Amino acid sequence: MSAKNLFKMYKHFVAIYVKGKMAYHCALLFEMVANIILIGVYIAGFMVIFHNFDGIAGWSRDEVLFMFTTSWLTYSLSCFLFWKPMKQMGELVRTGKFDLYLTRPINPLLYLVLQQFEYTFLPRLGFAAFFWIYSMRQLNISWTAASLLFYALNMISAFVIFSAITIFTGTISFWAIKSEEIVSLLTNNNYGLKNYTDYPLGIYSKGMQTLLTFIVPYAFTGFYPVALLLEKDVPFPALRFAAPLVALIAGTASCAFWKNGLKHYGSAGA
């Protein structure tokens, strides 16, 4: 199927999805407002911390802001596509509704992504873009062709890493049907492990640093690339350039795990 046809299909699904939400008396508007308030409170809490402290682990407020908005941008884009499909995988497998995705003439993962529109991540994306631009202006980073290429490559890598982790957690549903909590534990930015990437890795224990670097590699979605640009010390200096390699490994592993899950799947429906 061509990219043009995929885009037409996605627009069709988005229109259906939004119309369905609008049928419930401004449910879409209320959800958007609730998410704006939630993210606004989070940003306000961040500002309060730096109102009382000049810096954290050698990082200034604007440096930390640049780091976590770098992560937020790619996280929001990834979740816009993959978070809802992977979070609902448990229910689809449990009820047998996933059978429908296997009978369509399109890759089931691609179909899962196309037939939803997770608009609740749009406010997060908007906040991230605003404070990302603001923090860069405050830092006056001297960009070169090499640093721009490095940063762009690491942004793509961060998107792949976030997506790979989300797909991996959703794929667990093929074995552990009730897996929604696992998805939230690892990927939810309000109370999940993802929340630990909003601050420099140096403030955490060695165990947490190891977890976020080698096991669930969230540290490569913002901390390591930005630390290198800002010439900051990092716990594992040899890994400052490793984000593209980590993305390649994570992406390949998650795809292989997903394919293995499809082979393992057996309908649980009536």
Protein backbone atom coordinates (compact mmCIF):
# COMPACT_ATOMS: atom_id res chain seq x y z
CA MET A 1 0.00 0.00 0.00
CA SER A 2 1.42 3.41 -1.00
CA ALA A 3 2.10 6.24 1.44
CA LYS A 4 -0.61 8.30 -0.25
CA ASN A 5 -3.23 5.62 0.33
CA LEU A 6 -2.09 5.17 3.92
CA PHE A 7 -2.49 8.90 4.53
CA LYS A 8 -5.99 8.86 3.03
CA MET A 9 -6.91 5.92 5.23
CA TYR A 10 -5.55 7.68 8.31
CA LYS A 11 -7.56 10.85 7.56
CA HIS A 12 -10.67 8.71 7.22
CA PHE A 13 -10.06 6.99 10.56
CA VAL A 14 -9.30 10.31 12.29
CA ALA A 15 -12.59 11.78 11.04
CA ILE A 16 -14.52 8.78 12.38
CA TYR A 17 -12.65 8.87 15.70
CA VAL A 18 -13.23 12.59 16.28
CA LYS A 19 -16.93 12.36 15.30
CA GLY A 20 -17.34 9.53 17.79
CA LYS A 21 -15.76 11.60 20.56
CA MET A 22 -17.83 14.69 19.73
CA ALA A 23 -21.00 12.64 20.11
CA TYR A 24 -20.38 12.51 23.87
CA HIS A 25 -21.14 16.12 24.72
CA CYS A 26 -17.77 17.81 24.34
CA ALA A 27 -15.80 14.86 25.73
CA LEU A 28 -12.93 15.73 23.41
CA LEU A 29 -12.79 19.32 24.68
CA PHE A 30 -12.91 18.29 28.33
CA GLU A 31 -10.14 15.73 27.85
CA MET A 32 -7.96 18.33 26.14
CA VAL A 33 -8.56 20.87 28.91
CA ALA A 34 -7.82 18.27 31.58
CA ASN A 35 -4.53 17.38 29.88
CA ILE A 36 -3.56 21.03 29.51
CA ILE A 37 -4.16 21.56 33.23
CA LEU A 38 -2.23 18.41 34.16
CA ILE A 39 0.79 19.36 32.07
CA GLY A 40 0.58 22.98 33.22
CA VAL A 41 0.72 21.84 36.85
CA TYR A 42 3.74 19.65 36.06
CA ILE A 43 5.59 22.56 34.41
CA ALA A 44 4.67 24.82 37.33
CA GLY A 45 6.12 22.26 39.75
CA PHE A 46 9.32 22.19 37.70
CA MET A 47 9.59 25.98 37.87
CA VAL A 48 9.00 25.97 41.64
CA ILE A 49 11.93 23.57 42.09
CA PHE A 50 14.29 25.91 40.25
CA HIS A 51 12.88 28.94 42.03
CA ASN A 52 14.29 27.48 45.24
CA PHE A 53 17.49 25.95 43.81
CA ASP A 54 20.03 27.46 41.41
CA GLY A 55 20.67 24.11 39.77
CA ILE A 56 20.50 20.33 40.02
CA ALA A 57 23.63 18.15 39.74
CA GLY A 58 25.45 20.96 37.94
CA TRP A 59 22.61 21.68 35.51
CA SER A 60 20.85 25.05 35.40
CA ARG A 61 17.09 25.41 35.00
CA ASP A 62 17.29 26.16 31.28
CA GLU A 63 19.69 23.28 30.67
CA VAL A 64 17.35 20.82 32.37
CA LEU A 65 14.40 22.38 30.53
CA PHE A 66 16.17 21.88 27.20
CA MET A 67 16.99 18.28 28.13
CA PHE A 68 13.51 17.21 29.17
CA THR A 69 11.70 19.05 26.35
CA THR A 70 14.02 17.29 23.90
CA SER A 71 12.77 14.05 25.41
CA TRP A 72 9.15 15.24 25.59
CA LEU A 73 9.00 16.13 21.89
CA THR A 74 9.92 12.65 20.72
CA TYR A 75 7.94 11.00 23.52
CA SER A 76 4.78 12.90 22.52
CA LEU A 77 5.17 11.99 18.85
CA SER A 78 5.80 8.34 19.69
CA CYS A 79 2.85 8.12 22.09
CA PHE A 80 0.62 9.89 19.57
CA LEU A 81 1.10 6.84 17.37
CA PHE A 82 1.78 3.88 19.64
CA TRP A 83 0.68 4.48 23.24
CA LYS A 84 -3.08 3.91 22.85
CA PRO A 85 -2.75 0.83 20.58
CA MET A 86 -0.29 -0.83 22.95
CA LYS A 87 -2.30 0.08 26.04
CA GLN A 88 -5.42 -1.54 24.60
CA MET A 89 -3.61 -4.67 23.41
CA GLY A 90 -4.50 -6.54 26.62
CA GLU A 91 -8.22 -5.97 26.10
CA LEU A 92 -8.04 -6.84 22.40
CA VAL A 93 -6.30 -10.14 23.14
CA ARG A 94 -8.49 -10.89 26.16
CA THR A 95 -11.74 -10.41 24.24
CA GLY A 96 -10.54 -11.94 20.98
CA LYS A 97 -11.09 -8.67 19.10
CA PHE A 98 -7.51 -8.78 17.91
CA ASP A 99 -8.69 -11.41 15.41
CA LEU A 100 -10.17 -8.56 13.37
CA TYR A 101 -6.73 -7.02 12.87
CA LEU A 102 -5.36 -10.29 11.55
CA THR A 103 -8.05 -10.56 8.88
CA ARG A 104 -7.37 -7.16 7.30
CA PRO A 105 -5.12 -6.85 4.20
CA ILE A 106 -2.67 -4.66 6.12
CA ASN A 107 0.01 -5.17 8.74
CA PRO A 108 -1.84 -5.49 12.12
CA LEU A 109 0.52 -3.09 13.92
CA LEU A 110 0.12 -0.49 11.19
CA TYR A 111 -3.65 -0.93 11.28
CA LEU A 112 -3.66 -0.48 15.07
CA VAL A 113 -1.82 2.82 14.64
CA LEU A 114 -3.93 4.12 11.75
CA GLN A 115 -7.35 3.49 13.29
CA GLN A 116 -6.82 5.72 16.35
CA PHE A 117 -6.06 9.39 17.01
CA GLU A 118 -4.54 9.98 20.45
CA TYR A 119 -5.21 13.73 20.60
CA THR A 120 -4.55 13.90 24.35
CA PHE A 121 -0.82 14.07 23.57
CA LEU A 122 -1.23 17.24 21.47
CA PRO A 123 -1.12 19.59 24.52
CA ARG A 124 2.07 17.88 25.75
CA LEU A 125 3.58 18.30 22.29
CA GLY A 126 2.60 21.97 22.23
CA PHE A 127 4.05 22.68 25.70
CA ALA A 128 7.22 20.77 24.82
CA ALA A 129 7.72 22.74 21.59
CA PHE A 130 7.18 26.10 23.35
CA PHE A 131 9.59 25.46 26.23
CA TRP A 132 12.07 23.75 23.90
CA ILE A 133 12.35 26.92 21.82
CA TYR A 134 12.40 29.06 24.97
CA SER A 135 15.22 27.06 26.58
CA MET A 136 17.35 27.11 23.41
CA ARG A 137 17.05 30.89 23.25
CA GLN A 138 18.10 31.19 26.88
CA LEU A 139 21.11 28.93 26.41
CA ASN A 140 22.34 30.55 23.20
CA ILE A 141 23.71 27.27 21.88
CA SER A 142 26.25 27.77 19.08
CA TRP A 143 24.97 25.33 16.50
CA THR A 144 27.27 23.95 13.81
CA ALA A 145 26.47 21.61 10.93
CA ALA A 146 27.95 18.72 12.93
CA SER A 147 26.03 19.49 16.13
CA LEU A 148 22.76 19.94 14.22
CA LEU A 149 23.24 16.61 12.48
CA PHE A 150 24.13 14.96 15.79
CA TYR A 151 21.06 16.44 17.50
CA ALA A 152 18.70 15.51 14.65
CA LEU A 153 20.01 11.95 14.55
CA ASN A 154 19.55 11.62 18.30
CA MET A 155 15.99 12.98 18.09
CA ILE A 156 15.16 10.27 15.55
CA SER A 157 16.87 7.72 17.79
CA ALA A 158 14.84 8.89 20.80
CA PHE A 159 11.60 8.46 18.84
CA VAL A 160 12.62 4.91 17.91
CA ILE A 161 13.60 4.08 21.51
CA PHE A 162 10.32 5.36 22.94
CA SER A 163 8.33 3.52 20.28
CA ALA A 164 10.30 0.31 20.76
CA ILE A 165 9.73 0.29 24.53
CA THR A 166 6.02 0.99 24.07
CA ILE A 167 5.62 -1.77 21.47
CA PHE A 168 7.59 -4.16 23.67
CA THR A 169 5.30 -3.54 26.66
CA GLY A 170 2.17 -3.92 24.53
CA THR A 171 3.45 -7.16 23.00
CA ILE A 172 3.64 -8.71 26.48
CA SER A 173 -0.17 -8.94 26.20
CA PHE A 174 0.22 -12.01 24.01
CA TRP A 175 1.51 -13.87 27.07
CA ALA A 176 0.19 -11.84 30.02
CA ILE A 177 -3.26 -10.73 28.88
CA LYS A 178 -3.73 -8.19 31.68
CA SER A 179 -0.79 -5.97 30.71
CA GLU A 180 -2.16 -2.42 30.84
CA GLU A 181 -0.38 -1.78 34.14
CA ILE A 182 2.94 -2.84 32.62
CA VAL A 183 2.51 -0.34 29.78
CA SER A 184 1.70 2.45 32.24
CA LEU A 185 4.52 1.50 34.61
CA LEU A 186 7.16 1.87 31.92
CA THR A 187 5.73 4.54 29.61
CA ASN A 188 3.42 6.85 31.60
CA ASN A 189 5.10 10.24 32.07
CA ASN A 190 3.06 11.12 35.18
CA TYR A 191 4.00 8.21 37.42
CA GLY A 192 5.86 5.64 35.29
CA LEU A 193 9.57 5.02 34.79
CA LYS A 194 9.56 7.56 31.95
CA ASN A 195 9.16 10.28 34.58
CA TYR A 196 12.76 9.72 35.70
CA THR A 197 14.10 11.03 32.38
CA ASP A 198 12.99 14.60 33.08
CA TYR A 199 16.01 15.33 35.29
CA PRO A 200 19.76 14.70 34.99
CA LEU A 201 20.80 11.10 35.48
CA GLY A 202 23.39 12.15 38.04
CA ILE A 203 20.80 12.82 40.76
CA TYR A 204 19.81 9.14 40.91
CA SER A 205 21.50 6.15 42.51
CA LYS A 206 23.90 3.94 40.56
CA GLY A 207 21.19 1.29 40.33
CA MET A 208 18.71 3.70 38.72
CA GLN A 209 21.40 5.05 36.38
CA THR A 210 22.15 1.49 35.26
CA LEU A 211 18.45 0.70 34.81
CA LEU A 212 17.81 3.79 32.65
CA THR A 213 20.95 3.22 30.58
CA PHE A 214 21.26 -0.53 30.03
CA ILE A 215 17.85 -2.11 30.72
CA VAL A 216 15.17 0.46 29.84
CA PRO A 217 17.34 2.92 27.86
CA TYR A 218 15.39 6.11 28.45
CA ALA A 219 18.63 7.98 29.26
CA PHE A 220 19.43 8.05 25.53
CA THR A 221 16.25 9.97 24.68
CA GLY A 222 17.47 13.25 26.14
CA PHE A 223 20.12 13.07 28.83
CA TYR A 224 23.15 11.68 26.96
CA PRO A 225 22.74 13.67 23.70
CA VAL A 226 22.04 16.97 25.48
CA ALA A 227 24.81 16.37 28.05
CA LEU A 228 27.27 16.04 25.17
CA LEU A 229 26.02 19.23 23.49
CA LEU A 230 26.27 21.14 26.78
CA GLU A 231 29.59 19.50 27.74
CA LYS A 232 28.25 17.95 30.94
CA ASP A 233 29.66 15.01 32.87
CA VAL A 234 27.75 11.74 32.48
CA PRO A 235 27.79 8.47 34.48
CA PHE A 236 28.94 6.35 31.51
CA PRO A 237 31.05 8.67 29.26
CA ALA A 238 31.69 6.02 26.60
CA LEU A 239 27.96 5.92 25.80
CA ARG A 240 27.45 9.58 24.92
CA PHE A 241 27.33 8.76 21.17
CA ALA A 242 25.48 5.47 21.55
CA ALA A 243 21.85 6.62 21.05
CA PRO A 244 21.63 5.58 17.35
CA LEU A 245 23.06 2.14 18.15
CA VAL A 246 20.71 1.74 21.10
CA ALA A 247 17.78 2.76 18.87
CA LEU A 248 18.80 0.19 16.25
CA ILE A 249 19.03 -2.58 18.85
CA ALA A 250 15.79 -1.57 20.61
CA GLY A 251 13.85 -1.18 17.36
CA THR A 252 15.04 -4.51 15.98
CA ALA A 253 14.35 -6.31 19.26
CA SER A 254 10.83 -4.88 19.62
CA CYS A 255 9.91 -5.81 16.02
CA ALA A 256 11.21 -9.34 16.55
CA PHE A 257 9.32 -9.58 19.84
CA TRP A 258 6.10 -8.35 18.16
CA LYS A 259 6.42 -10.91 15.36
CA ASN A 260 7.01 -13.65 17.91
CA GLY A 261 3.93 -12.49 19.82
CA LEU A 262 1.81 -12.71 16.66
CA LYS A 263 2.95 -16.31 16.19
CA HIS A 264 2.10 -17.07 19.80
CA TYR A 265 -1.35 -15.46 19.67
CA GLY A 266 -4.41 -17.64 19.99
CA SER A 267 -7.87 -16.09 20.06
CA ALA A 268 -9.25 -15.66 23.58
CA GLY A 269 -12.71 -14.66 22.43
CA ALA A 270 -15.90 -16.68 22.73
